[in-house]
């Protein structure tokens, strides 16, 4: 999508009352990205679709301040608090 075109930009709901802390794109599935948030939740979104998270998990009791994929091993995600 050309984001310069009106209406082409997309947005995703990250959750009520939680600020995003970090974002990482999946190097093995480039249409997916994850967002870690202040409430300790990590959510995965599909850039090809609107809105809803593909999956989410409660990764930490405190803010999940870091998130990254392993570029050598598909499906391996690390989070930090």
Protein backbone atom coordinates (compact mmCIF):
# COMPACT_ATOMS: atom_id res chain seq x y z
CA UNK A 1 0.00 0.00 0.00
CA UNK A 2 1.18 3.49 -0.79
CA UNK A 3 0.92 5.30 2.54
CA UNK A 4 0.92 8.64 0.72
CA UNK A 5 -2.57 7.83 -0.57
CA UNK A 6 -5.49 8.96 1.60
CA UNK A 7 -6.88 6.05 3.56
CA UNK A 8 -3.92 3.76 2.84
CA UNK A 9 -2.35 4.01 6.30
CA UNK A 10 -3.37 1.36 8.83
CA UNK A 11 -3.52 1.36 12.59
CA UNK A 12 -3.71 -1.32 15.25
CA UNK A 13 -5.26 -1.19 18.70
CA UNK A 14 -2.54 -2.02 21.22
CA UNK A 15 -4.73 -2.33 24.30
CA UNK A 16 -6.53 -0.14 26.75
CA UNK A 17 -4.24 1.89 28.98
CA UNK A 18 -0.95 0.31 27.94
CA UNK A 19 1.77 2.27 26.18
CA UNK A 20 3.91 0.50 23.58
CA UNK A 21 7.51 -0.09 24.64
CA UNK A 22 9.13 -1.87 21.66
CA UNK A 23 8.30 -3.14 18.17
CA UNK A 24 9.97 -5.91 16.14
CA UNK A 25 9.25 -7.26 12.65
CA UNK A 26 9.45 -11.03 12.15
CA UNK A 27 12.37 -11.66 9.75
CA UNK A 28 10.91 -15.01 8.66
CA UNK A 29 7.34 -13.81 8.12
CA UNK A 30 7.74 -10.15 7.10
CA UNK A 31 4.01 -9.40 7.31
CA UNK A 32 4.03 -10.00 11.09
CA UNK A 33 5.23 -7.68 13.82
CA UNK A 34 5.07 -7.77 17.61
CA UNK A 35 4.60 -4.97 20.10
CA UNK A 36 5.59 -5.19 23.75
CA UNK A 37 3.76 -2.94 26.15
CA UNK A 38 3.90 -1.24 29.50
CA UNK A 39 1.49 -3.77 31.04
CA UNK A 40 3.82 -6.71 30.24
CA UNK A 41 1.80 -7.96 27.28
CA UNK A 42 3.27 -8.86 23.89
CA UNK A 43 0.90 -8.76 20.92
CA UNK A 44 1.46 -9.98 17.36
CA UNK A 45 -0.18 -8.19 14.42
CA UNK A 46 -0.49 -9.00 10.72
CA UNK A 47 0.29 -5.89 8.65
CA UNK A 48 -1.96 -7.20 5.87
CA UNK A 49 -5.09 -7.04 8.02
CA UNK A 50 -6.81 -4.41 10.11
CA UNK A 51 -7.06 -4.23 13.83
CA UNK A 52 -7.14 -7.41 15.86
CA UNK A 53 -4.02 -9.05 17.22
CA UNK A 54 -3.10 -12.44 15.76
CA UNK A 55 -2.08 -13.55 19.26
CA UNK A 56 -1.12 -12.04 22.58
CA UNK A 57 0.58 -13.24 25.73
CA UNK A 58 1.28 -11.93 29.18
CA UNK A 59 5.10 -12.03 29.03
CA UNK A 60 6.03 -10.11 32.20
CA UNK A 61 4.51 -8.84 35.43
CA UNK A 62 6.05 -5.42 34.76
CA UNK A 63 6.63 -3.52 31.50
CA UNK A 64 7.90 -5.62 28.61
CA UNK A 65 10.51 -3.11 27.50
CA UNK A 66 12.30 -5.18 24.85
CA UNK A 67 11.30 -7.66 22.18
CA UNK A 68 13.22 -9.21 19.29
CA UNK A 69 13.14 -12.20 16.93
CA UNK A 70 16.03 -14.58 16.40
CA UNK A 71 17.12 -14.00 12.78
CA UNK A 72 18.62 -17.52 12.53
CA UNK A 73 15.74 -19.54 13.98
CA UNK A 74 12.14 -19.07 12.88
CA UNK A 75 9.58 -18.75 15.66
CA UNK A 76 12.04 -17.77 18.39
CA UNK A 77 11.06 -14.56 20.18
CA UNK A 78 12.85 -13.00 23.14
CA UNK A 79 11.33 -10.46 25.52
CA UNK A 80 12.85 -8.43 28.31
CA UNK A 81 11.52 -6.49 31.24
